[in-house]
Amino acid sequence: MTPSRRNLLVSGLVAAGALGAGAFVAVNLYRSRDEILGKARFVDLHGNPRALTEWLGKVVVANFWATWCAPCLEEIPLLMATRRKLAAKSIEIVGIAIDQVDKVKAFAAKLQIDYPVLVADAGALDLVRSLGNQSAGLPFTVFVDRAGRPARTKLGLLRQPELDSILAGLTGS
């Protein structure tokens, strides 16, 4: 075997190994995100324990927000309208407030939020970081497919065209 052919063979083997390692890391990254999201626990506004796994079989728009976050509050009417418009397509909007239960309960009543509102403790900041939001900024939305896997994320304010596009991709319509 000539030296140039041997170098080419070694380079090919190194490239194949790197590709395999990258695929392994990517699969395990998404598997760990699935597991993290599936194990995350919250409480509803009545203090009952809840989990996003309750909505398996539906596309879930899990919107992390807080009562003190102005862009978060701007999204709420958009999310309510989207839920009403797309309910027949098995899409659920779930608000996950990173705040105090009493504040969230009063705020949800004032705004008449008509989708499920859950409350997370300060540990939710670690959760959003593990889902790719390293700055832990709000609002942060995780789009979960029908199998319960995080399919897309969005940091910052959602707008109607972007929300419609993402949901069309997840529902095939």
C-alpha atoms as a PDB file:
ATOM      1  CA  MET A   1       0.000   0.000   0.000  1.00  0.00           C
ATOM      2  CA  THR A   2       1.367   3.363  -0.966  1.00  0.00           C
ATOM      3  CA  PRO A   3       1.795   6.052   1.723  1.00  0.00           C
ATOM      4  CA  SER A   4      -0.783   8.330   0.069  1.00  0.00           C
ATOM      5  CA  ARG A   5      -3.330   5.515  -0.086  1.00  0.00           C
ATOM      6  CA  ARG A   6      -2.645   4.627   3.573  1.00  0.00           C
ATOM      7  CA  ASN A   7      -3.102   8.299   4.578  1.00  0.00           C
ATOM      8  CA  LEU A   8      -6.374   8.400   2.659  1.00  0.00           C
ATOM      9  CA  LEU A   9      -7.581   5.214   4.377  1.00  0.00           C
ATOM     10  CA  VAL A  10      -6.604   6.511   7.834  1.00  0.00           C
ATOM     11  CA  SER A  11      -8.292   9.853   7.124  1.00  0.00           C
ATOM     12  CA  GLY A  12     -11.458   8.045   6.043  1.00  0.00           C
ATOM     13  CA  LEU A  13     -11.463   5.917   9.199  1.00  0.00           C
ATOM     14  CA  VAL A  14     -10.948   8.996  11.389  1.00  0.00           C
ATOM     15  CA  ALA A  15     -13.786  10.813   9.595  1.00  0.00           C
ATOM     16  CA  ALA A  16     -16.120   7.826   9.971  1.00  0.00           C
ATOM     17  CA  GLY A  17     -15.263   7.596  13.667  1.00  0.00           C
ATOM     18  CA  ALA A  18     -15.945  11.297  14.166  1.00  0.00           C
ATOM     19  CA  LEU A  19     -19.246  11.005  12.324  1.00  0.00           C
ATOM     20  CA  GLY A  20     -20.256   8.041  14.477  1.00  0.00           C
ATOM     21  CA  ALA A  21     -19.286   9.841  17.679  1.00  0.00           C
ATOM     22  CA  GLY A  22     -21.241  12.918  16.614  1.00  0.00           C
ATOM     23  CA  ALA A  23     -24.330  10.838  15.881  1.00  0.00           C
ATOM     24  CA  PHE A  24     -24.002   9.113  19.275  1.00  0.00           C
ATOM     25  CA  VAL A  25     -23.770  12.464  21.084  1.00  0.00           C
ATOM     26  CA  ALA A  26     -26.740  13.900  19.152  1.00  0.00           C
ATOM     27  CA  VAL A  27     -28.954  10.880  19.853  1.00  0.00           C
ATOM     28  CA  ASN A  28     -28.049  10.903  23.539  1.00  0.00           C
ATOM     29  CA  LEU A  29     -28.531  14.670  23.787  1.00  0.00           C
ATOM     30  CA  TYR A  30     -32.097  14.375  22.476  1.00  0.00           C
ATOM     31  CA  ARG A  31     -32.747  11.266  24.547  1.00  0.00           C
ATOM     32  CA  SER A  32     -31.624  13.108  27.664  1.00  0.00           C
ATOM     33  CA  ARG A  33     -33.817  16.099  26.739  1.00  0.00           C
ATOM     34  CA  ASP A  34     -36.762  13.719  26.310  1.00  0.00           C
ATOM     35  CA  GLU A  35     -36.051  12.181  29.700  1.00  0.00           C
ATOM     36  CA  ILE A  36     -35.581  15.564  31.373  1.00  0.00           C
ATOM     37  CA  LEU A  37     -38.852  16.912  30.004  1.00  0.00           C
ATOM     38  CA  GLY A  38     -40.699  13.682  30.774  1.00  0.00           C
ATOM     39  CA  LYS A  39     -39.519  13.686  34.383  1.00  0.00           C
ATOM     40  CA  ALA A  40     -40.197  17.386  35.009  1.00  0.00           C
ATOM     41  CA  ARG A  41     -42.913  17.917  37.614  1.00  0.00           C
ATOM     42  CA  PHE A  42     -45.006  20.981  38.249  1.00  0.00           C
ATOM     43  CA  VAL A  43     -48.112  21.937  40.224  1.00  0.00           C
ATOM     44  CA  ASP A  44     -51.318  23.387  38.847  1.00  0.00           C
ATOM     45  CA  LEU A  45     -53.094  26.392  40.308  1.00  0.00           C
ATOM     46  CA  HIS A  46     -54.874  24.126  42.801  1.00  0.00           C
ATOM     47  CA  GLY A  47     -51.623  22.612  44.084  1.00  0.00           C
ATOM     48  CA  ASN A  48     -52.054  19.293  42.263  1.00  0.00           C
ATOM     49  CA  PRO A  49     -48.910  17.654  40.852  1.00  0.00           C
ATOM     50  CA  ARG A  50     -48.794  17.683  37.040  1.00  0.00           C
ATOM     51  CA  ALA A  51     -46.448  16.616  34.250  1.00  0.00           C
ATOM     52  CA  LEU A  52     -46.274  17.310  30.520  1.00  0.00           C
ATOM     53  CA  THR A  53     -46.611  13.573  29.891  1.00  0.00           C
ATOM     54  CA  GLU A  54     -50.352  14.021  30.553  1.00  0.00           C
ATOM     55  CA  TRP A  55     -50.656  15.362  27.017  1.00  0.00           C
ATOM     56  CA  LEU A  56     -48.923  12.524  25.158  1.00  0.00           C
ATOM     57  CA  GLY A  57     -50.535  12.151  21.757  1.00  0.00           C
ATOM     58  CA  LYS A  58     -50.952  15.907  21.375  1.00  0.00           C
ATOM     59  CA  VAL A  59     -48.555  18.550  20.153  1.00  0.00           C
ATOM     60  CA  VAL A  60     -47.768  20.626  23.232  1.00  0.00           C
ATOM     61  CA  VAL A  61     -46.664  24.229  23.250  1.00  0.00           C
ATOM     62  CA  ALA A  62     -44.985  24.486  26.664  1.00  0.00           C
ATOM     63  CA  ASN A  63     -44.528  28.183  27.316  1.00  0.00           C
ATOM     64  CA  PHE A  64     -42.281  29.154  30.248  1.00  0.00           C
ATOM     65  CA  TRP A  65     -43.185  32.600  31.570  1.00  0.00           C
ATOM     66  CA  ALA A  66     -43.431  34.809  34.655  1.00  0.00           C
ATOM     67  CA  THR A  67     -45.863  37.466  35.865  1.00  0.00           C
ATOM     68  CA  TRP A  68     -43.114  40.111  35.840  1.00  0.00           C
ATOM     69  CA  CYS A  69     -42.033  39.393  32.226  1.00  0.00           C
ATOM     70  CA  ALA A  70     -43.576  41.936  29.810  1.00  0.00           C
ATOM     71  CA  PRO A  71     -42.968  39.908  26.591  1.00  0.00           C
ATOM     72  CA  CYS A  72     -44.422  36.842  28.324  1.00  0.00           C
ATOM     73  CA  LEU A  73     -47.627  38.736  29.042  1.00  0.00           C
ATOM     74  CA  GLU A  74     -47.790  39.932  25.452  1.00  0.00           C
ATOM     75  CA  GLU A  75     -47.798  36.290  24.280  1.00  0.00           C
ATOM     76  CA  ILE A  76     -50.712  35.130  26.430  1.00  0.00           C
ATOM     77  CA  PRO A  77     -53.535  36.433  24.146  1.00  0.00           C
ATOM     78  CA  LEU A  78     -51.754  34.885  21.134  1.00  0.00           C
ATOM     79  CA  LEU A  79     -51.488  31.541  22.918  1.00  0.00           C
ATOM     80  CA  MET A  80     -55.154  31.608  23.992  1.00  0.00           C
ATOM     81  CA  ALA A  81     -56.303  32.406  20.445  1.00  0.00           C
ATOM     82  CA  THR A  82     -54.077  29.683  18.995  1.00  0.00           C
ATOM     83  CA  ARG A  83     -55.473  27.115  21.422  1.00  0.00           C
ATOM     84  CA  ARG A  84     -59.059  27.958  20.459  1.00  0.00           C
ATOM     85  CA  LYS A  85     -58.245  27.982  16.744  1.00  0.00           C
ATOM     86  CA  LEU A  86     -56.324  24.681  16.695  1.00  0.00           C
ATOM     87  CA  ALA A  87     -58.040  22.616  19.401  1.00  0.00           C
ATOM     88  CA  ALA A  88     -59.422  20.205  16.805  1.00  0.00           C
ATOM     89  CA  LYS A  89     -55.861  19.419  15.669  1.00  0.00           C
ATOM     90  CA  SER A  90     -54.893  17.959  19.081  1.00  0.00           C
ATOM     91  CA  ILE A  91     -52.678  20.857  20.067  1.00  0.00           C
ATOM     92  CA  GLU A  92     -52.444  21.926  23.690  1.00  0.00           C
ATOM     93  CA  ILE A  93     -50.965  25.101  25.063  1.00  0.00           C
ATOM     94  CA  VAL A  94     -49.502  24.740  28.564  1.00  0.00           C
ATOM     95  CA  GLY A  95     -48.206  27.763  30.429  1.00  0.00           C
ATOM     96  CA  ILE A  96     -45.437  27.021  32.914  1.00  0.00           C
ATOM     97  CA  ALA A  97     -44.931  29.952  35.234  1.00  0.00           C
ATOM     98  CA  ILE A  98     -41.643  30.368  37.036  1.00  0.00           C
ATOM     99  CA  ASP A  99     -43.124  32.357  39.849  1.00  0.00           C
ATOM    100  CA  GLN A 100     -45.066  32.091  43.106  1.00  0.00           C
ATOM    101  CA  VAL A 101     -48.336  30.133  42.979  1.00  0.00           C
ATOM    102  CA  ASP A 102     -50.434  32.908  44.547  1.00  0.00           C
ATOM    103  CA  LYS A 103     -49.154  35.519  42.084  1.00  0.00           C
ATOM    104  CA  VAL A 104     -49.731  33.205  39.133  1.00  0.00           C
ATOM    105  CA  LYS A 105     -53.217  32.245  40.299  1.00  0.00           C
ATOM    106  CA  ALA A 106     -54.291  35.898  40.621  1.00  0.00           C
ATOM    107  CA  PHE A 107     -52.703  36.794  37.310  1.00  0.00           C
ATOM    108  CA  ALA A 108     -54.283  33.862  35.448  1.00  0.00           C
ATOM    109  CA  ALA A 109     -57.699  34.823  36.814  1.00  0.00           C
ATOM    110  CA  LYS A 110     -57.225  38.478  35.867  1.00  0.00           C
ATOM    111  CA  LEU A 111     -56.233  37.594  32.282  1.00  0.00           C
ATOM    112  CA  GLN A 112     -58.769  34.736  32.089  1.00  0.00           C
ATOM    113  CA  ILE A 113     -56.137  32.338  30.790  1.00  0.00           C
ATOM    114  CA  ASP A 114     -58.075  29.438  29.311  1.00  0.00           C
ATOM    115  CA  TYR A 115     -55.258  26.919  28.889  1.00  0.00           C
ATOM    116  CA  PRO A 116     -53.615  24.821  31.611  1.00  0.00           C
ATOM    117  CA  VAL A 117     -51.289  26.868  33.784  1.00  0.00           C
ATOM    118  CA  LEU A 118     -48.653  25.065  35.790  1.00  0.00           C
ATOM    119  CA  VAL A 119     -46.186  26.510  38.247  1.00  0.00           C
ATOM    120  CA  ALA A 120     -42.536  25.587  38.523  1.00  0.00           C
ATOM    121  CA  ASP A 121     -40.144  26.376  41.314  1.00  0.00           C
ATOM    122  CA  ALA A 122     -36.704  27.948  40.865  1.00  0.00           C
ATOM    123  CA  GLY A 123     -35.430  24.544  39.685  1.00  0.00           C
ATOM    124  CA  ALA A 124     -37.197  25.307  36.412  1.00  0.00           C
ATOM    125  CA  LEU A 125     -34.289  27.563  35.492  1.00  0.00           C
ATOM    126  CA  ASP A 126     -32.103  24.454  35.430  1.00  0.00           C
ATOM    127  CA  LEU A 127     -34.779  22.730  33.357  1.00  0.00           C
ATOM    128  CA  VAL A 128     -34.866  25.461  30.703  1.00  0.00           C
ATOM    129  CA  ARG A 129     -31.056  25.477  30.590  1.00  0.00           C
ATOM    130  CA  SER A 130     -31.036  21.719  30.026  1.00  0.00           C
ATOM    131  CA  LEU A 131     -33.475  22.271  27.145  1.00  0.00           C
ATOM    132  CA  GLY A 132     -31.050  24.622  25.403  1.00  0.00           C
ATOM    133  CA  ASN A 133     -31.888  28.008  26.947  1.00  0.00           C
ATOM    134  CA  GLN A 134     -28.476  28.696  28.496  1.00  0.00           C
ATOM    135  CA  SER A 135     -29.385  32.248  29.499  1.00  0.00           C
ATOM    136  CA  ALA A 136     -32.592  31.043  31.220  1.00  0.00           C
ATOM    137  CA  GLY A 137     -34.358  33.977  29.575  1.00  0.00           C
ATOM    138  CA  LEU A 138     -38.120  34.277  29.325  1.00  0.00           C
ATOM    139  CA  PRO A 139     -40.359  33.748  27.532  1.00  0.00           C
ATOM    140  CA  PHE A 140     -39.084  30.355  26.447  1.00  0.00           C
ATOM    141  CA  THR A 141     -41.246  27.948  24.493  1.00  0.00           C
ATOM    142  CA  VAL A 142     -40.679  24.248  23.949  1.00  0.00           C
ATOM    143  CA  PHE A 143     -42.665  22.593  21.168  1.00  0.00           C
ATOM    144  CA  VAL A 144     -43.242  18.968  22.103  1.00  0.00           C
ATOM    145  CA  ASP A 145     -44.250  16.430  19.468  1.00  0.00           C
ATOM    146  CA  ARG A 146     -47.030  13.862  19.897  1.00  0.00           C
ATOM    147  CA  ALA A 147     -44.545  11.318  21.293  1.00  0.00           C
ATOM    148  CA  GLY A 148     -43.521  13.709  24.065  1.00  0.00           C
ATOM    149  CA  ARG A 149     -40.182  14.689  22.539  1.00  0.00           C
ATOM    150  CA  PRO A 150     -38.985  18.295  22.395  1.00  0.00           C
ATOM    151  CA  ALA A 151     -39.037  19.127  18.690  1.00  0.00           C
ATOM    152  CA  ARG A 152     -38.254  22.864  18.658  1.00  0.00           C
ATOM    153  CA  THR A 153     -37.512  25.644  21.085  1.00  0.00           C
ATOM    154  CA  LYS A 154     -37.940  29.385  20.896  1.00  0.00           C
ATOM    155  CA  LEU A 155     -36.359  31.934  23.205  1.00  0.00           C
ATOM    156  CA  GLY A 156     -38.173  35.249  23.133  1.00  0.00           C
ATOM    157  CA  LEU A 157     -41.529  36.548  22.047  1.00  0.00           C
ATOM    158  CA  LEU A 158     -43.544  34.376  19.669  1.00  0.00           C
ATOM    159  CA  ARG A 159     -45.312  36.014  16.754  1.00  0.00           C
ATOM    160  CA  GLN A 160     -48.297  34.546  14.907  1.00  0.00           C
ATOM    161  CA  PRO A 161     -46.561  33.672  11.594  1.00  0.00           C
ATOM    162  CA  GLU A 162     -43.710  31.882  13.366  1.00  0.00           C
ATOM    163  CA  LEU A 163     -46.071  30.021  15.712  1.00  0.00           C
ATOM    164  CA  ASP A 164     -48.294  28.952  12.809  1.00  0.00           C
ATOM    165  CA  SER A 165     -45.284  27.736  10.821  1.00  0.00           C
ATOM    166  CA  ILE A 166     -43.849  25.688  13.678  1.00  0.00           C
ATOM    167  CA  LEU A 167     -47.217  24.112  14.499  1.00  0.00           C
ATOM    168  CA  ALA A 168     -47.903  23.323  10.826  1.00  0.00           C
ATOM    169  CA  GLY A 169     -44.588  21.483  10.697  1.00  0.00           C
ATOM    170  CA  LEU A 170     -45.442  19.456  13.797  1.00  0.00           C
ATOM    171  CA  THR A 171     -49.011  18.614  12.751  1.00  0.00           C
ATOM    172  CA  GLY A 172     -48.326  18.080   9.057  1.00  0.00           C
ATOM    173  CA  SER A 173     -50.881  20.665   8.014  1.00  0.00           C
END
